[in-house]
C-alpha atoms as a PDB file:
ATOM      1  CA  MET A   1     -33.274  47.875   5.204  1.00  0.00           C
ATOM      2  CA  TYR A   2     -32.448  51.441   5.056  1.00  0.00           C
ATOM      3  CA  PHE A   3     -34.344  54.218   6.911  1.00  0.00           C
ATOM      4  CA  ARG A   4     -34.064  57.935   6.080  1.00  0.00           C
ATOM      5  CA  SER A   5     -34.807  59.299   9.384  1.00  0.00           C
ATOM      6  CA  PRO A   6     -33.635  57.590  13.052  1.00  0.00           C
ATOM      7  CA  ALA A   7     -37.564  58.002  14.605  1.00  0.00           C
ATOM      8  CA  VAL A   8     -38.623  55.740  11.748  1.00  0.00           C
ATOM      9  CA  ALA A   9     -35.831  53.435  12.667  1.00  0.00           C
ATOM     10  CA  LEU A  10     -36.677  53.687  16.047  1.00  0.00           C
ATOM     11  CA  GLN A  11     -40.084  52.178  15.290  1.00  0.00           C
ATOM     12  CA  TYR A  12     -38.342  48.814  13.954  1.00  0.00           C
ATOM     13  CA  PRO A  13     -36.268  47.618  17.334  1.00  0.00           C
ATOM     14  CA  PHE A  14     -34.782  44.739  15.187  1.00  0.00           C
ATOM     15  CA  TYR A  15     -33.082  47.308  12.852  1.00  0.00           C
ATOM     16  CA  ARG A  16     -31.014  49.034  15.622  1.00  0.00           C
ATOM     17  CA  HIS A  17     -29.549  45.608  16.966  1.00  0.00           C
ATOM     18  CA  GLN A  18     -28.846  44.376  13.690  1.00  0.00           C
ATOM     19  CA  PRO A  19     -25.804  46.330  12.755  1.00  0.00           C
ATOM     20  CA  ILE A  20     -23.917  45.366  16.094  1.00  0.00           C
ATOM     21  CA  GLN A  21     -24.739  41.697  15.707  1.00  0.00           C
ATOM     22  CA  ILE A  22     -23.636  41.507  11.913  1.00  0.00           C
ATOM     23  CA  GLN A  23     -20.596  43.704  12.842  1.00  0.00           C
ATOM     24  CA  LYS A  24     -19.766  41.159  15.878  1.00  0.00           C
ATOM     25  CA  THR A  25     -20.274  38.029  13.525  1.00  0.00           C
ATOM     26  CA  ILE A  26     -18.054  39.226  10.752  1.00  0.00           C
ATOM     27  CA  GLN A  27     -15.386  39.977  13.427  1.00  0.00           C
ATOM     28  CA  MET A  28     -15.760  36.650  15.184  1.00  0.00           C
ATOM     29  CA  LYS A  29     -15.679  35.030  11.577  1.00  0.00           C
ATOM     30  CA  SER A  30     -12.604  37.031  10.613  1.00  0.00           C
ATOM     31  CA  ILE A  31     -10.627  36.341  13.968  1.00  0.00           C
ATOM     32  CA  THR A  32     -10.967  32.628  13.247  1.00  0.00           C
ATOM     33  CA  THR A  33      -9.580  32.670   9.534  1.00  0.00           C
ATOM     34  CA  LEU A  34      -6.312  34.679  10.853  1.00  0.00           C
ATOM     35  CA  THR A  35      -3.110  32.768  11.327  1.00  0.00           C
ATOM     36  CA  ASP A  36      -1.406  32.477  14.565  1.00  0.00           C
ATOM     37  CA  GLN A  37       1.272  35.273  13.605  1.00  0.00           C
ATOM     38  CA  GLN A  38      -1.653  38.124  13.022  1.00  0.00           C
ATOM     39  CA  LEU A  39      -3.408  36.673  16.379  1.00  0.00           C
ATOM     40  CA  ILE A  40      -0.359  37.253  18.343  1.00  0.00           C
ATOM     41  CA  GLN A  41       0.264  40.747  16.985  1.00  0.00           C
ATOM     42  CA  LEU A  42      -3.687  41.325  17.896  1.00  0.00           C
ATOM     43  CA  PHE A  43      -3.022  40.082  21.124  1.00  0.00           C
ATOM     44  CA  ILE A  44       0.277  42.225  21.485  1.00  0.00           C
ATOM     45  CA  ASN A  45      -2.001  45.237  20.371  1.00  0.00           C
ATOM     46  CA  GLY A  46      -4.217  44.711  22.834  1.00  0.00           C
ATOM     47  CA  ASN A  47      -7.016  42.214  21.894  1.00  0.00           C
ATOM     48  CA  SER A  48      -7.655  39.353  24.455  1.00  0.00           C
ATOM     49  CA  GLU A  49     -10.148  37.559  21.691  1.00  0.00           C
ATOM     50  CA  SER A  50      -6.946  36.719  19.871  1.00  0.00           C
ATOM     51  CA  LEU A  51      -5.564  34.892  22.810  1.00  0.00           C
ATOM     52  CA  GLU A  52      -8.766  32.992  23.215  1.00  0.00           C
ATOM     53  CA  GLU A  53      -8.434  31.979  19.609  1.00  0.00           C
ATOM     54  CA  LEU A  54      -5.106  30.517  20.000  1.00  0.00           C
ATOM     55  CA  ILE A  55      -5.616  28.721  23.028  1.00  0.00           C
ATOM     56  CA  LYS A  56      -8.788  27.394  21.158  1.00  0.00           C
ATOM     57  CA  ARG A  57      -6.677  26.313  18.364  1.00  0.00           C
ATOM     58  CA  HIS A  58      -3.895  24.415  19.986  1.00  0.00           C
ATOM     59  CA  LYS A  59      -5.178  23.461  23.565  1.00  0.00           C
ATOM     60  CA  ASP A  60      -5.746  19.701  22.633  1.00  0.00           C
ATOM     61  CA  ARG A  61      -2.027  19.205  20.794  1.00  0.00           C
ATOM     62  CA  ILE A  62      -0.527  21.235  23.862  1.00  0.00           C
ATOM     63  CA  PHE A  63      -2.507  19.425  26.789  1.00  0.00           C
ATOM     64  CA  THR A  64      -2.122  15.929  25.053  1.00  0.00           C
ATOM     65  CA  SER A  65       1.436  16.157  24.531  1.00  0.00           C
ATOM     66  CA  ILE A  66       1.857  16.950  28.475  1.00  0.00           C
ATOM     67  CA  VAL A  67      -0.186  14.051  29.175  1.00  0.00           C
ATOM     68  CA  LEU A  68       1.750  11.661  27.187  1.00  0.00           C
ATOM     69  CA  LEU A  69       5.105  12.761  29.225  1.00  0.00           C
ATOM     70  CA  VAL A  70       3.783  13.399  32.574  1.00  0.00           C
ATOM     71  CA  LYS A  71       0.937  10.292  32.528  1.00  0.00           C
ATOM     72  CA  ASP A  72      -1.214  12.268  35.007  1.00  0.00           C
ATOM     73  CA  LYS A  73      -4.200  14.491  34.069  1.00  0.00           C
ATOM     74  CA  ASN A  74      -4.249  16.418  37.087  1.00  0.00           C
ATOM     75  CA  LEU A  75      -0.598  17.197  36.588  1.00  0.00           C
ATOM     76  CA  ALA A  76      -0.694  17.834  32.872  1.00  0.00           C
ATOM     77  CA  GLU A  77      -3.787  20.401  33.676  1.00  0.00           C
ATOM     78  CA  ASP A  78      -1.326  22.440  36.236  1.00  0.00           C
ATOM     79  CA  ILE A  79       1.670  22.381  33.723  1.00  0.00           C
ATOM     80  CA  PHE A  80      -0.842  23.199  30.931  1.00  0.00           C
ATOM     81  CA  GLN A  81      -1.924  26.259  32.954  1.00  0.00           C
ATOM     82  CA  ASP A  82       1.858  27.364  33.860  1.00  0.00           C
ATOM     83  CA  ALA A  83       2.733  26.994  30.270  1.00  0.00           C
ATOM     84  CA  PHE A  84       0.252  29.566  29.049  1.00  0.00           C
ATOM     85  CA  ILE A  85       1.226  31.843  31.774  1.00  0.00           C
ATOM     86  CA  ARG A  86       4.810  31.847  30.432  1.00  0.00           C
ATOM     87  CA  ILE A  87       3.299  32.220  26.893  1.00  0.00           C
ATOM     88  CA  ILE A  88       1.095  35.136  27.963  1.00  0.00           C
ATOM     89  CA  ASP A  89       4.144  36.782  29.710  1.00  0.00           C
ATOM     90  CA  THR A  90       6.418  36.048  26.742  1.00  0.00           C
ATOM     91  CA  LEU A  91       4.226  37.881  24.548  1.00  0.00           C
ATOM     92  CA  ARG A  92       3.352  40.980  26.872  1.00  0.00           C
ATOM     93  CA  THR A  93       7.006  41.403  27.388  1.00  0.00           C
ATOM     94  CA  GLY A  94       7.662  41.504  23.721  1.00  0.00           C
ATOM     95  CA  ASN A  95      10.164  38.616  24.133  1.00  0.00           C
ATOM     96  CA  TYR A  96       8.634  36.663  21.172  1.00  0.00           C
ATOM     97  CA  THR A  97      10.299  36.426  18.050  1.00  0.00           C
ATOM     98  CA  ASP A  98       7.688  35.883  15.494  1.00  0.00           C
ATOM     99  CA  GLU A  99       9.351  33.221  12.997  1.00  0.00           C
ATOM    100  CA  GLY A 100       6.072  31.990  12.214  1.00  0.00           C
ATOM    101  CA  LYS A 101       6.190  28.781  14.483  1.00  0.00           C
ATOM    102  CA  PHE A 102       3.890  29.416  17.527  1.00  0.00           C
ATOM    103  CA  LEU A 103       2.904  25.790  17.917  1.00  0.00           C
ATOM    104  CA  PRO A 104       6.473  24.329  18.121  1.00  0.00           C
ATOM    105  CA  TRP A 105       7.435  27.428  20.492  1.00  0.00           C
ATOM    106  CA  ALA A 106       4.426  26.426  22.698  1.00  0.00           C
ATOM    107  CA  LEU A 107       5.073  22.753  22.875  1.00  0.00           C
ATOM    108  CA  ARG A 108       8.908  23.356  23.509  1.00  0.00           C
ATOM    109  CA  ILE A 109       7.756  25.527  26.765  1.00  0.00           C
ATOM    110  CA  ALA A 110       5.354  22.715  27.653  1.00  0.00           C
ATOM    111  CA  HIS A 111       8.072  20.058  27.428  1.00  0.00           C
ATOM    112  CA  ASN A 112      10.400  22.098  29.264  1.00  0.00           C
ATOM    113  CA  LEU A 113       8.013  22.437  32.188  1.00  0.00           C
ATOM    114  CA  CYS A 114       7.536  18.721  32.432  1.00  0.00           C
ATOM    115  CA  VAL A 115      11.236  18.392  32.261  1.00  0.00           C
ATOM    116  CA  ASP A 116      11.543  20.879  35.286  1.00  0.00           C
ATOM    117  CA  HIS A 117       8.505  18.728  37.283  1.00  0.00           C
ATOM    118  CA  PHE A 118      10.806  15.751  36.749  1.00  0.00           C
ATOM    119  CA  ARG A 119      13.941  16.973  37.862  1.00  0.00           C
ATOM    120  CA  LYS A 120      12.236  18.820  40.849  1.00  0.00           C
ATOM    121  CA  VAL A 121      10.680  15.295  41.918  1.00  0.00           C
ATOM    122  CA  LYS A 122      14.056  13.742  41.359  1.00  0.00           C
ATOM    123  CA  ARG A 123      15.728  16.122  43.856  1.00  0.00           C
ATOM    124  CA  SER A 124      13.365  15.539  46.510  1.00  0.00           C
ATOM    125  CA  PRO A 125      13.497  11.801  47.582  1.00  0.00           C
ATOM    126  CA  LEU A 126      10.526   9.893  48.497  1.00  0.00           C
ATOM    127  CA  VAL A 127      10.882   7.882  51.682  1.00  0.00           C
ATOM    128  CA  GLN A 128       8.624   5.058  52.050  1.00  0.00           C
ATOM    129  CA  ASN A 129       8.006   3.108  55.106  1.00  0.00           C
ATOM    130  CA  ASN A 130       6.937  -0.688  54.031  1.00  0.00           C
ATOM    131  CA  ASN A 131       7.455  -1.689  57.309  1.00  0.00           C
ATOM    132  CA  GLU A 132       4.077  -1.291  58.899  1.00  0.00           C
ATOM    133  CA  ASP A 133       5.157  -1.953  62.479  1.00  0.00           C
ATOM    134  CA  PHE A 134       7.774   0.915  62.465  1.00  0.00           C
ATOM    135  CA  ASP A 135       6.686   4.017  64.664  1.00  0.00           C
ATOM    136  CA  ILE A 136       8.669   7.008  64.259  1.00  0.00           C
ATOM    137  CA  PHE A 137       7.626   8.312  67.740  1.00  0.00           C
ATOM    138  CA  GLU A 138       8.941   5.349  69.215  1.00  0.00           C
ATOM    139  CA  THR A 139      12.605   6.333  67.757  1.00  0.00           C
ATOM    140  CA  ILE A 140      12.022   9.259  69.152  1.00  0.00           C
ATOM    141  CA  ASN A 141      11.652   8.305  72.682  1.00  0.00           C
ATOM    142  CA  VAL A 142      14.400   5.801  72.564  1.00  0.00           C
ATOM    143  CA  SER A 143      16.730   8.267  71.263  1.00  0.00           C
ATOM    144  CA  ALA A 144      15.709  11.061  73.824  1.00  0.00           C
ATOM    145  CA  ARG A 145      16.360   8.676  76.502  1.00  0.00           C
ATOM    146  CA  TRP A 146      20.087   8.281  75.091  1.00  0.00           C
ATOM    147  CA  HIS A 147      20.818  11.990  74.884  1.00  0.00           C
ATOM    148  CA  ARG A 148      19.664  13.083  78.197  1.00  0.00           C
ATOM    149  CA  TRP A 149      22.102  15.474  79.967  1.00  0.00           C
END
Protein backbone atom coordinates (compact mmCIF):
# COMPACT_ATOMS: atom_id res chain seq x y z
CA MET A 1 0.00 0.00 0.00
CA TYR A 2 1.50 3.34 -1.03
CA PHE A 3 0.37 6.68 0.37
CA ARG A 4 1.07 9.96 -1.32
CA SER A 5 1.31 12.00 1.87
CA PRO A 6 2.72 11.18 5.31
CA ALA A 7 -0.47 12.47 6.95
CA VAL A 8 -2.51 9.75 5.26
CA ALA A 9 0.10 7.14 6.19
CA LEU A 10 -0.19 8.13 9.86
CA GLN A 11 -3.89 7.24 9.79
CA TYR A 12 -2.91 3.64 9.06
CA PRO A 13 -0.57 2.61 11.92
CA PHE A 14 0.02 -0.86 10.48
CA TYR A 15 1.67 0.77 7.48
CA ARG A 16 4.31 2.61 9.53
CA HIS A 17 5.67 -0.58 11.07
CA GLN A 18 5.38 -2.82 8.08
CA PRO A 19 8.56 -1.78 6.21
CA ILE A 20 10.72 -2.28 9.31
CA GLN A 21 9.25 -5.70 9.96
CA ILE A 22 9.67 -6.76 6.33
CA GLN A 23 13.23 -5.46 6.32
CA LYS A 24 14.07 -7.48 9.46
CA THR A 25 12.51 -10.59 7.95
CA ILE A 26 14.50 -10.18 4.76
CA GLN A 27 17.67 -9.59 6.77
CA MET A 28 17.05 -12.65 8.96
CA LYS A 29 16.31 -14.83 5.95
CA SER A 30 19.43 -13.68 4.21
CA ILE A 31 21.68 -14.19 7.22
CA THR A 32 20.59 -17.81 7.54
CA THR A 33 21.37 -18.50 3.90
CA LEU A 34 24.88 -17.04 3.99
CA THR A 35 27.93 -19.26 3.96
CA ASP A 36 30.23 -19.56 6.94
CA GLN A 37 32.85 -17.43 5.19
CA GLN A 38 30.32 -14.66 4.55
CA LEU A 39 29.15 -14.79 8.18
CA ILE A 40 32.75 -14.56 9.38
CA GLN A 41 33.34 -11.56 7.19
CA LEU A 42 30.18 -9.90 8.50
CA PHE A 43 31.30 -10.55 12.08
CA ILE A 44 34.73 -9.08 11.40
CA ASN A 45 32.95 -6.01 10.00
CA GLY A 46 30.95 -5.65 13.23
CA ASN A 47 27.74 -7.66 12.73
CA SER A 48 27.21 -9.70 15.92
CA GLU A 49 24.13 -11.46 14.50
CA SER A 50 26.39 -13.31 12.09
CA LEU A 51 28.30 -14.81 15.03
CA GLU A 52 25.00 -15.92 16.56
CA GLU A 53 24.17 -17.69 13.31
CA LEU A 54 27.58 -19.40 13.24
CA ILE A 55 27.09 -20.63 16.79
CA LYS A 56 23.56 -21.85 16.05
CA ARG A 57 24.81 -23.71 12.99
CA HIS A 58 27.67 -25.54 14.61
CA LYS A 59 26.99 -25.70 18.35
CA ASP A 60 25.53 -29.22 18.33
CA ARG A 61 28.40 -30.72 16.38
CA ILE A 62 31.11 -29.01 18.43
CA PHE A 63 29.43 -29.73 21.77
CA THR A 64 28.89 -33.39 20.88
CA SER A 65 32.52 -33.84 19.92
CA ILE A 66 33.60 -32.33 23.25
CA VAL A 67 31.21 -34.53 25.25
CA LEU A 68 32.49 -37.63 23.46
CA LEU A 69 36.04 -36.72 24.44
CA VAL A 70 35.59 -35.65 28.07
CA LYS A 71 32.55 -37.79 29.00
CA ASP A 72 31.26 -35.09 31.36
CA LYS A 73 28.50 -32.68 30.34
CA ASN A 74 29.42 -29.90 32.79
CA LEU A 75 33.07 -29.99 31.79
CA ALA A 76 32.02 -30.08 28.14
CA GLU A 77 29.99 -26.89 28.63
CA ASP A 78 33.03 -25.14 30.10
CA ILE A 79 35.29 -26.27 27.27
CA PHE A 80 32.64 -25.29 24.71
CA GLN A 81 32.54 -21.77 26.12
CA ASP A 82 36.33 -21.57 26.14
CA ALA A 83 36.42 -22.77 22.54
CA PHE A 84 34.07 -20.05 21.36
CA ILE A 85 35.93 -17.42 23.36
CA ARG A 86 39.08 -18.47 21.50
CA ILE A 87 37.26 -18.48 18.18
CA ILE A 88 35.87 -14.98 18.77
CA ASP A 89 39.25 -13.65 19.89
CA THR A 90 40.95 -15.11 16.83
CA LEU A 91 38.35 -13.65 14.50
CA ARG A 92 38.53 -10.22 16.14
CA THR A 93 42.32 -10.05 16.00
CA GLY A 94 42.28 -10.99 12.31
CA ASN A 95 44.37 -14.14 12.76
CA TYR A 96 41.81 -16.39 11.06
CA THR A 97 42.80 -17.40 7.55
CA ASP A 98 39.69 -17.91 5.47
CA GLU A 99 40.17 -21.25 3.76
CA GLY A 100 36.51 -22.21 3.73
CA LYS A 101 36.95 -24.64 6.61
CA PHE A 102 35.39 -22.99 9.65
CA LEU A 103 33.87 -26.11 11.23
CA PRO A 104 37.04 -28.25 11.09
CA TRP A 105 39.00 -25.31 12.48
CA ALA A 106 36.50 -24.84 15.34
CA LEU A 107 36.50 -28.58 16.05
CA ARG A 108 40.31 -28.54 16.19
CA ILE A 109 40.23 -25.71 18.74
CA ALA A 110 37.73 -27.64 20.87
CA HIS A 111 39.80 -30.83 20.57
CA ASN A 112 42.98 -29.00 21.60
CA LEU A 113 41.22 -27.55 24.64
CA CYS A 114 40.14 -31.07 25.64
CA VAL A 115 43.73 -32.29 25.30
CA ASP A 116 44.93 -29.32 27.36
CA HIS A 117 42.41 -30.21 30.06
CA PHE A 118 43.64 -33.81 30.26
CA ARG A 119 47.26 -32.66 30.38
CA LYS A 120 46.42 -30.35 33.25
CA VAL A 121 44.62 -33.12 35.13
CA LYS A 122 47.54 -35.48 34.54
CA ARG A 123 50.03 -32.96 35.98
CA SER A 124 48.10 -32.47 39.20
CA PRO A 125 48.16 -35.78 41.09
CA LEU A 126 45.04 -36.96 42.84
CA VAL A 127 45.53 -38.19 46.37
CA GLN A 128 42.94 -40.65 47.57
CA ASN A 129 42.52 -41.93 51.06
CA ASN A 130 41.22 -45.50 51.01
CA ASN A 131 41.87 -45.98 54.71
CA GLU A 132 38.98 -44.41 56.61
CA ASP A 133 40.80 -44.72 59.94
CA PHE A 134 43.61 -42.46 58.75
CA ASP A 135 43.58 -39.04 60.39
CA ILE A 136 45.94 -36.41 58.98
CA PHE A 137 45.76 -34.36 62.17
CA GLU A 138 47.00 -37.32 64.20
CA THR A 139 50.00 -37.57 61.88
CA ILE A 140 50.71 -33.87 62.26
CA ASN A 141 50.61 -34.13 66.08
CA VAL A 142 52.99 -37.10 66.07
CA SER A 143 55.47 -35.39 63.78
CA ALA A 144 55.28 -32.20 65.84
CA ARG A 145 56.29 -34.16 68.95
CA TRP A 146 59.35 -35.57 67.19
CA HIS A 147 60.54 -32.19 65.94
CA ARG A 148 60.42 -30.21 69.16
CA TRP A 149 63.36 -27.90 69.58
